[in-house]
Structures are given as structure tokens and as C-alpha cells.
């Protein structure tokens, strides 16, 4: 009987663990007004004025406020694109180039995901 209870507890534990999702830093930051403001300022000061726009009609850079992500739309994929850049395009990598490092990139991802219009 105790073996059955042990197996049942293991199954219940596995079900509980599988229901726990890992949230990216961007997902957590979407609930932080300061992080979102910082992401917005980085977007406006770094990208919106030079390459990307907030609506259709971008120069030669994609609109980042829609839901069409050319290089993957998960938080991690967007982070990687910003961090590494896109070879063969004007999109440089911003890894190591922003004042707060990776945290600034995650705040930018949070801002983009919060403001996108699907």
C-alpha cells in the first residue's frame, strides 16, 4: 500500500511541476512600470529615430509593433536578435552596448511585447 501512495505522490508532484511555467525576464518586466518606461526610452532613443518606426511605413527595417517577427517571436528569440543583430542587414547587435547590459535588452523586449498590436 505504501508503494502505491509513493507512486501517487510522485505522479501528483510531476503534474504540479509540469504546470509551472518559466517566465522570461521580459514577461516579468511587463508588470513593472519602471522597466517598461526604460524599454520605451531605449526604443525611442535608439531604434525609432534611426531604423524602426512604430507603425507601417518603416524605412527598410521591420515594424516592431505588429506581430510579424522575422527572426522568431518568443521573448528569448527577440532578445537574441537584439543582442546579436541580424547578419546581412543594418541591424547591429546591441549585446554589451547598452548602459544596463542585458537588463536593458530585456526591458526593450518587454516594451515591444506590451505595445505590439496584433
N, C-alpha and C. Protein backbone atom coordinates (compact mmCIF):
# COMPACT_ATOMS: atom_id res chain seq x y z
N UNK A 1 0.81 -1.20 0.00
CA UNK A 1 0.00 0.00 0.00
C UNK A 1 0.86 1.27 0.00
N UNK A 2 1.94 1.29 0.76
CA UNK A 2 2.79 2.47 0.82
C UNK A 2 3.47 2.72 -0.52
N UNK A 3 3.72 1.66 -1.29
CA UNK A 3 4.32 1.83 -2.61
C UNK A 3 3.34 2.54 -3.54
N UNK A 4 2.07 2.22 -3.45
CA UNK A 4 1.05 2.87 -4.26
C UNK A 4 0.95 4.35 -3.89
N UNK A 5 1.00 4.66 -2.62
CA UNK A 5 0.94 6.05 -2.17
C UNK A 5 2.18 6.81 -2.66
N UNK A 6 3.34 6.18 -2.59
CA UNK A 6 4.57 6.83 -3.08
C UNK A 6 4.48 7.14 -4.56
N UNK A 7 3.99 6.18 -5.34
CA UNK A 7 3.85 6.39 -6.78
C UNK A 7 2.83 7.50 -7.04
N UNK A 8 1.74 7.51 -6.30
CA UNK A 8 0.71 8.54 -6.47
C UNK A 8 1.28 9.93 -6.16
N UNK A 9 2.08 10.02 -5.10
CA UNK A 9 2.69 11.30 -4.75
C UNK A 9 3.66 11.77 -5.83
N UNK A 10 4.41 10.85 -6.40
CA UNK A 10 5.32 11.21 -7.49
C UNK A 10 4.55 11.71 -8.69
N UNK A 11 3.45 11.06 -9.03
CA UNK A 11 2.63 11.49 -10.17
C UNK A 11 2.05 12.88 -9.90
N UNK A 12 1.53 13.10 -8.71
CA UNK A 12 0.96 14.41 -8.37
C UNK A 12 2.05 15.47 -8.43
N UNK A 13 3.21 15.19 -7.89
CA UNK A 13 4.33 16.14 -7.93
C UNK A 13 4.71 16.47 -9.37
N UNK A 14 4.77 15.45 -10.23
CA UNK A 14 5.12 15.67 -11.64
C UNK A 14 4.07 16.54 -12.33
N UNK A 15 2.82 16.35 -12.02
CA UNK A 15 1.75 17.15 -12.61
C UNK A 15 1.87 18.60 -12.15
N UNK A 16 2.13 18.80 -10.88
CA UNK A 16 2.27 20.16 -10.34
C UNK A 16 3.47 20.85 -10.98
N UNK A 17 4.59 20.16 -11.06
CA UNK A 17 5.81 20.75 -11.64
C UNK A 17 5.59 21.08 -13.11
N UNK A 18 4.93 20.21 -13.85
CA UNK A 18 4.74 20.47 -15.29
C UNK A 18 3.83 21.66 -15.52
N UNK A 19 3.00 22.01 -14.56
CA UNK A 19 2.11 23.15 -14.69
C UNK A 19 2.79 24.48 -14.41
N UNK A 20 4.00 24.45 -13.87
CA UNK A 20 4.73 25.67 -13.56
C UNK A 20 5.50 26.11 -14.79
N UNK A 21 5.17 27.26 -15.31
CA UNK A 21 5.86 27.79 -16.47
C UNK A 21 7.00 28.70 -16.04
N UNK A 22 8.06 28.64 -16.78
CA UNK A 22 9.18 29.55 -16.54
C UNK A 22 8.86 30.84 -17.30
N UNK A 23 8.82 31.95 -16.59
CA UNK A 23 8.56 33.25 -17.23
C UNK A 23 9.89 33.91 -17.55
N UNK A 24 9.96 34.46 -18.74
CA UNK A 24 11.17 35.18 -19.11
C UNK A 24 11.24 36.48 -18.31
N UNK A 25 12.41 37.08 -18.30
CA UNK A 25 12.55 38.39 -17.64
C UNK A 25 11.63 39.42 -18.29
N UNK A 26 11.47 39.34 -19.61
CA UNK A 26 10.58 40.29 -20.30
C UNK A 26 9.15 40.13 -19.83
N UNK A 27 8.70 38.91 -19.64
CA UNK A 27 7.33 38.67 -19.17
C UNK A 27 7.14 39.23 -17.77
N UNK A 28 8.13 39.07 -16.93
CA UNK A 28 8.06 39.61 -15.56
C UNK A 28 8.08 41.14 -15.61
N UNK A 29 8.91 41.70 -16.49
CA UNK A 29 9.05 43.16 -16.58
C UNK A 29 7.82 43.84 -17.18
N UNK A 30 6.96 43.09 -17.84
CA UNK A 30 5.75 43.69 -18.41
C UNK A 30 4.82 44.20 -17.33
N UNK A 31 5.03 43.75 -16.09
CA UNK A 31 4.23 44.22 -14.96
C UNK A 31 4.96 45.29 -14.14
N UNK A 32 6.10 45.74 -14.62
CA UNK A 32 6.92 46.72 -13.90
C UNK A 32 6.93 48.03 -14.69
N UNK A 33 6.19 49.04 -14.22
CA UNK A 33 6.11 50.31 -14.96
C UNK A 33 7.47 50.96 -15.21
N UNK A 34 8.39 50.86 -14.26
CA UNK A 34 9.72 51.45 -14.45
C UNK A 34 10.49 50.73 -15.55
N UNK A 35 10.40 49.41 -15.58
CA UNK A 35 11.08 48.63 -16.62
C UNK A 35 10.49 48.95 -17.99
N UNK A 36 9.16 49.05 -18.06
CA UNK A 36 8.51 49.37 -19.34
C UNK A 36 8.89 50.77 -19.81
N UNK A 37 8.97 51.72 -18.89
CA UNK A 37 9.37 53.08 -19.25
C UNK A 37 10.80 53.10 -19.78
N UNK A 38 11.68 52.37 -19.12
CA UNK A 38 13.08 52.29 -19.57
C UNK A 38 13.13 51.66 -20.97
N UNK A 39 12.36 50.57 -21.19
CA UNK A 39 12.32 49.94 -22.51
C UNK A 39 11.81 50.88 -23.57
N UNK A 40 10.80 51.66 -23.23
CA UNK A 40 10.24 52.64 -24.17
C UNK A 40 11.29 53.70 -24.54
N UNK A 41 12.00 54.20 -23.54
CA UNK A 41 13.01 55.22 -23.79
C UNK A 41 14.16 54.68 -24.65
N UNK A 42 14.54 53.45 -24.41
CA UNK A 42 15.59 52.84 -25.23
C UNK A 42 15.09 52.71 -26.66
N UNK A 43 13.84 52.27 -26.82
CA UNK A 43 13.27 52.12 -28.16
C UNK A 43 13.25 53.46 -28.89
N UNK A 44 12.73 54.47 -28.24
CA UNK A 44 12.63 55.79 -28.87
C UNK A 44 14.01 56.37 -29.16
N UNK A 45 14.91 56.28 -28.20
CA UNK A 45 16.21 56.90 -28.35
C UNK A 45 17.19 56.15 -29.23
N UNK A 46 16.99 54.86 -29.38
CA UNK A 46 17.96 54.06 -30.11
C UNK A 46 17.44 53.57 -31.45
N UNK A 47 16.20 53.14 -31.50
CA UNK A 47 15.69 52.48 -32.70
C UNK A 47 14.72 53.31 -33.50
N UNK A 48 13.72 53.87 -32.83
CA UNK A 48 12.62 54.53 -33.55
C UNK A 48 13.11 55.72 -34.37
N UNK A 49 14.12 56.39 -33.91
CA UNK A 49 14.60 57.56 -34.62
C UNK A 49 15.50 57.25 -35.80
N UNK A 50 16.01 56.05 -35.86
CA UNK A 50 17.00 55.72 -36.89
C UNK A 50 16.54 54.65 -37.87
N UNK A 51 15.89 53.62 -37.38
CA UNK A 51 15.59 52.48 -38.24
C UNK A 51 14.11 52.10 -38.22
N UNK A 52 13.64 51.71 -37.06
CA UNK A 52 12.28 51.19 -36.92
C UNK A 52 11.31 52.31 -36.61
N UNK A 53 10.09 52.13 -37.05
CA UNK A 53 9.02 53.05 -36.69
C UNK A 53 7.97 52.27 -35.91
N UNK A 54 7.04 52.98 -35.33
CA UNK A 54 6.02 52.35 -34.51
C UNK A 54 4.76 52.01 -35.29
N UNK A 55 4.79 52.22 -36.59
CA UNK A 55 3.63 51.90 -37.41
C UNK A 55 4.12 51.49 -38.79
N UNK A 56 3.19 51.12 -39.67
CA UNK A 56 3.57 50.76 -41.03
C UNK A 56 4.31 51.92 -41.67
N UNK A 57 5.15 51.59 -42.60
CA UNK A 57 5.88 52.63 -43.30
C UNK A 57 7.33 52.73 -42.87
N UNK A 58 7.82 51.72 -42.15
CA UNK A 58 9.23 51.73 -41.75
C UNK A 58 10.10 51.81 -42.99
N UNK A 59 11.26 52.38 -42.83
CA UNK A 59 12.18 52.56 -43.94
C UNK A 59 12.51 51.19 -44.52
N UNK A 60 13.61 50.62 -44.15
CA UNK A 60 13.93 49.28 -44.60
C UNK A 60 13.99 48.31 -43.42
N UNK A 61 13.52 48.74 -42.28
CA UNK A 61 13.51 47.91 -41.08
C UNK A 61 12.07 47.52 -40.75
N UNK A 62 11.87 46.31 -40.25
CA UNK A 62 10.51 45.85 -39.95
C UNK A 62 9.82 46.69 -38.87
N UNK A 63 8.50 46.73 -38.96
CA UNK A 63 7.67 47.33 -37.92
C UNK A 63 7.72 46.39 -36.72
N UNK A 64 8.14 46.90 -35.58
CA UNK A 64 8.26 46.06 -34.39
C UNK A 64 7.02 46.09 -33.51
N UNK A 65 6.01 46.83 -33.90
CA UNK A 65 4.80 46.91 -33.09
C UNK A 65 3.68 46.01 -33.62
N UNK A 66 3.97 45.26 -34.68
CA UNK A 66 2.98 44.28 -35.12
C UNK A 66 3.39 42.92 -34.56
N UNK A 67 2.83 41.87 -35.04
CA UNK A 67 3.14 40.55 -34.50
C UNK A 67 3.84 39.67 -35.53
N UNK A 68 4.47 40.29 -36.51
CA UNK A 68 5.21 39.54 -37.51
C UNK A 68 6.68 39.65 -37.14
N UNK A 69 7.21 38.61 -36.58
CA UNK A 69 8.60 38.59 -36.13
C UNK A 69 9.40 37.73 -37.10
N UNK A 70 10.28 38.34 -37.85
CA UNK A 70 11.02 37.66 -38.90
C UNK A 70 12.06 36.68 -38.36
N UNK A 71 12.51 36.89 -37.15
CA UNK A 71 13.59 36.07 -36.60
C UNK A 71 13.16 35.36 -35.32
N UNK A 72 11.86 35.10 -35.20
CA UNK A 72 11.32 34.41 -34.04
C UNK A 72 10.66 35.36 -33.07
N UNK A 73 9.50 34.97 -32.55
CA UNK A 73 8.71 35.87 -31.73
C UNK A 73 8.69 35.55 -30.25
N UNK A 74 9.41 34.51 -29.81
CA UNK A 74 9.44 34.27 -28.36
C UNK A 74 10.31 35.34 -27.71
N UNK A 75 10.14 35.52 -26.43
CA UNK A 75 10.94 36.53 -25.72
C UNK A 75 12.43 36.27 -25.92
N UNK A 76 12.83 35.00 -25.81
CA UNK A 76 14.24 34.65 -25.95
C UNK A 76 14.74 34.92 -27.37
N UNK A 77 13.92 34.60 -28.37
CA UNK A 77 14.32 34.84 -29.77
C UNK A 77 14.46 36.33 -30.06
N UNK A 78 13.55 37.13 -29.54
CA UNK A 78 13.65 38.58 -29.73
C UNK A 78 14.89 39.11 -29.02
N UNK A 79 15.13 38.64 -27.80
CA UNK A 79 16.34 39.03 -27.07
C UNK A 79 17.59 38.70 -27.89
N UNK A 80 17.64 37.47 -28.41
CA UNK A 80 18.81 37.03 -29.18
C UNK A 80 19.02 37.91 -30.42
N UNK A 81 17.93 38.27 -31.10
CA UNK A 81 18.03 39.12 -32.29
C UNK A 81 18.60 40.48 -31.92
N UNK A 82 18.11 41.05 -30.83
CA UNK A 82 18.60 42.36 -30.39
C UNK A 82 20.06 42.24 -29.94
N UNK A 83 20.37 41.21 -29.21
CA UNK A 83 21.71 41.03 -28.66
C UNK A 83 22.74 40.80 -29.77
N UNK A 84 22.40 39.91 -30.73
CA UNK A 84 23.36 39.50 -31.76
C UNK A 84 23.27 40.30 -33.06
N UNK A 85 22.13 40.96 -33.30
CA UNK A 85 21.92 41.62 -34.58
C UNK A 85 21.51 40.61 -35.64
N UNK A 86 21.38 41.07 -36.88
CA UNK A 86 20.97 40.22 -37.98
C UNK A 86 21.99 40.37 -39.10
N UNK A 87 22.71 39.31 -39.36
CA UNK A 87 23.74 39.33 -40.40
C UNK A 87 23.13 39.67 -41.75
N UNK A 88 23.84 40.50 -42.51
CA UNK A 88 23.38 40.88 -43.84
C UNK A 88 22.37 42.01 -43.85
N UNK A 89 22.12 42.62 -42.68
CA UNK A 89 21.20 43.76 -42.59
C UNK A 89 21.91 44.89 -41.82
N UNK A 90 21.22 46.01 -41.69
CA UNK A 90 21.75 47.12 -40.89
C UNK A 90 21.58 46.89 -39.40
N UNK A 91 20.88 45.83 -39.02
CA UNK A 91 20.61 45.55 -37.60
C UNK A 91 21.87 45.03 -36.91
N UNK A 92 22.49 45.95 -36.16
CA UNK A 92 23.68 45.57 -35.40
C UNK A 92 23.27 44.89 -34.11
N UNK A 93 24.16 44.16 -33.52
CA UNK A 93 23.91 43.58 -32.21
C UNK A 93 24.10 44.62 -31.12
N UNK A 94 23.20 44.62 -30.14
CA UNK A 94 23.29 45.57 -29.03
C UNK A 94 23.83 44.92 -27.76
N UNK A 95 24.26 43.66 -27.85
CA UNK A 95 24.85 43.00 -26.70
C UNK A 95 26.07 43.75 -26.22
N UNK A 96 26.08 44.12 -24.94
CA UNK A 96 27.21 44.84 -24.37
C UNK A 96 27.28 46.32 -24.72
N UNK A 97 26.26 46.85 -25.38
CA UNK A 97 26.32 48.25 -25.84
C UNK A 97 25.34 49.18 -25.12
N UNK A 98 24.47 48.64 -24.31
CA UNK A 98 23.50 49.47 -23.59
C UNK A 98 23.96 49.64 -22.14
N UNK A 99 23.63 50.77 -21.52
CA UNK A 99 24.16 51.07 -20.18
C UNK A 99 23.91 49.99 -19.12
N UNK A 100 22.73 49.39 -19.13
CA UNK A 100 22.42 48.37 -18.12
C UNK A 100 22.54 46.96 -18.69
N UNK A 101 23.27 46.81 -19.78
CA UNK A 101 23.56 45.49 -20.34
C UNK A 101 22.33 44.70 -20.74
N UNK A 102 22.34 43.42 -20.42
CA UNK A 102 21.24 42.52 -20.78
C UNK A 102 19.91 42.97 -20.21
N UNK A 103 19.94 43.60 -19.02
CA UNK A 103 18.69 44.08 -18.41
C UNK A 103 17.99 45.08 -19.33
N UNK A 104 18.75 45.95 -19.97
CA UNK A 104 18.15 46.90 -20.90
C UNK A 104 17.52 46.19 -22.10
N UNK A 105 18.16 45.14 -22.57
CA UNK A 105 17.59 44.40 -23.71
C UNK A 105 16.29 43.73 -23.28
N UNK A 106 16.26 43.14 -22.09
CA UNK A 106 15.01 42.51 -21.61
C UNK A 106 13.92 43.56 -21.43
N UNK A 107 14.26 44.75 -20.97
CA UNK A 107 13.27 45.83 -20.81
C UNK A 107 12.74 46.26 -22.18
N UNK A 108 13.60 46.27 -23.16
CA UNK A 108 13.17 46.59 -24.52
C UNK A 108 12.23 45.53 -25.06
N UNK A 109 12.55 44.27 -24.83
CA UNK A 109 11.66 43.17 -25.25
C UNK A 109 10.31 43.31 -24.56
N UNK A 110 10.31 43.61 -23.26
CA UNK A 110 9.06 43.79 -22.52
C UNK A 110 8.23 44.91 -23.14
N UNK A 111 8.87 46.03 -23.46
CA UNK A 111 8.16 47.15 -24.07
C UNK A 111 7.56 46.74 -25.42
N UNK A 112 8.35 46.08 -26.26
CA UNK A 112 7.85 45.68 -27.58
C UNK A 112 6.67 44.73 -27.47
N UNK A 113 6.76 43.76 -26.56
CA UNK A 113 5.69 42.78 -26.42
C UNK A 113 4.43 43.43 -25.83
N UNK A 114 4.60 44.37 -24.94
CA UNK A 114 3.46 45.04 -24.30
C UNK A 114 2.74 45.96 -25.28
N UNK A 115 3.48 46.61 -26.16
CA UNK A 115 2.91 47.61 -27.07
C UNK A 115 2.50 47.07 -28.42
N UNK A 116 2.84 45.86 -28.74
CA UNK A 116 2.52 45.35 -30.09
C UNK A 116 1.00 45.27 -30.29
N UNK A 117 0.63 45.41 -31.52
CA UNK A 117 -0.79 45.39 -31.88
C UNK A 117 -1.03 44.28 -32.89
N UNK A 118 -1.53 43.17 -32.39
CA UNK A 118 -1.79 42.00 -33.25
C UNK A 118 -3.19 42.05 -33.84
